[in-house]
Amino acid sequence: MPDTTSATQDFHWVMTVQTQDGRFNSREAVITAPVGFTASDAFKFVIDQFKADYGSVIVLFYALTPNEL
């Protein structure tokens, strides 16, 4: 059961991109998001990591889910 008293929540993300030279790259990690952090904020956070490494990329797959079972 999620902790509703916490000021943060963990989310697991997975992203696969294609770079300008045709290579594919996939990554996954957990984000500890503060209250008020939106799905759009999470996407920007993740895609900015790929852009920092590869420049312009095409997103082929993206998933963001609460990191709990």
Protein backbone atom coordinates (compact mmCIF):
# COMPACT_ATOMS: atom_id res chain seq x y z
CA MET A 1 0.00 0.00 0.00
CA PRO A 2 1.42 3.45 -0.91
CA ASP A 3 2.61 5.80 1.81
CA THR A 4 0.18 8.74 1.56
CA THR A 5 2.07 10.79 4.16
CA SER A 6 5.25 11.06 2.08
CA ALA A 7 6.20 14.23 0.22
CA THR A 8 7.66 12.15 -2.62
CA GLN A 9 6.69 9.16 -4.73
CA ASP A 10 8.92 6.76 -6.67
CA PHE A 11 8.19 6.10 -10.35
CA HIS A 12 9.88 3.56 -12.62
CA TRP A 13 10.49 4.66 -16.19
CA VAL A 14 11.67 2.92 -19.37
CA MET A 15 12.55 4.71 -22.61
CA THR A 16 13.86 3.54 -25.98
CA VAL A 17 15.08 6.07 -28.52
CA GLN A 18 16.64 6.12 -31.96
CA THR A 19 19.56 8.51 -32.46
CA GLN A 20 20.23 10.64 -35.53
CA ASP A 21 22.73 8.07 -36.82
CA GLY A 22 20.19 5.23 -36.52
CA ARG A 23 21.38 3.61 -33.29
CA PHE A 24 18.92 2.46 -30.64
CA ASN A 25 19.32 3.05 -26.93
CA SER A 26 17.13 1.89 -24.03
CA ARG A 27 17.38 2.88 -20.40
CA GLU A 28 15.38 2.43 -17.24
CA ALA A 29 15.56 3.94 -13.76
CA VAL A 30 13.54 5.13 -10.81
CA ILE A 31 12.64 8.79 -10.26
CA THR A 32 11.79 10.03 -6.79
CA ALA A 33 9.25 12.71 -7.63
CA PRO A 34 8.16 15.48 -5.27
CA VAL A 35 4.49 16.26 -4.71
CA GLY A 36 3.20 18.22 -7.71
CA PHE A 37 5.62 16.58 -10.17
CA THR A 38 3.57 15.81 -13.29
CA ALA A 39 3.80 13.11 -15.96
CA SER A 40 4.94 15.84 -18.34
CA ASP A 41 7.70 16.86 -15.91
CA ALA A 42 8.86 13.24 -15.74
CA PHE A 43 8.95 12.89 -19.53
CA LYS A 44 10.97 16.09 -19.87
CA PHE A 45 13.39 14.91 -17.16
CA VAL A 46 13.94 11.58 -18.96
CA ILE A 47 14.17 12.88 -22.54
CA ASP A 48 16.61 15.61 -21.46
CA GLN A 49 19.03 12.88 -20.33
CA PHE A 50 18.99 11.30 -23.79
CA LYS A 51 19.29 14.68 -25.52
CA ALA A 52 22.34 15.53 -23.39
CA ASP A 53 24.04 12.34 -24.61
CA TYR A 54 22.83 12.10 -28.21
CA GLY A 55 21.35 15.42 -29.32
CA SER A 56 18.07 15.06 -31.17
CA VAL A 57 16.38 11.66 -30.71
CA ILE A 58 13.16 9.91 -31.73
CA VAL A 59 11.25 8.31 -28.87
CA LEU A 60 10.17 4.80 -29.81
CA PHE A 61 8.88 3.70 -26.40
CA TYR A 62 8.19 5.36 -23.05
CA ALA A 63 6.55 4.03 -19.90
CA LEU A 64 6.15 5.62 -16.47
CA THR A 65 4.49 3.76 -13.61
CA PRO A 66 4.44 3.99 -9.83
CA ASN A 67 7.35 1.93 -8.51
CA GLU A 68 5.31 -0.44 -6.36
CA LEU A 69 3.66 -3.82 -6.62
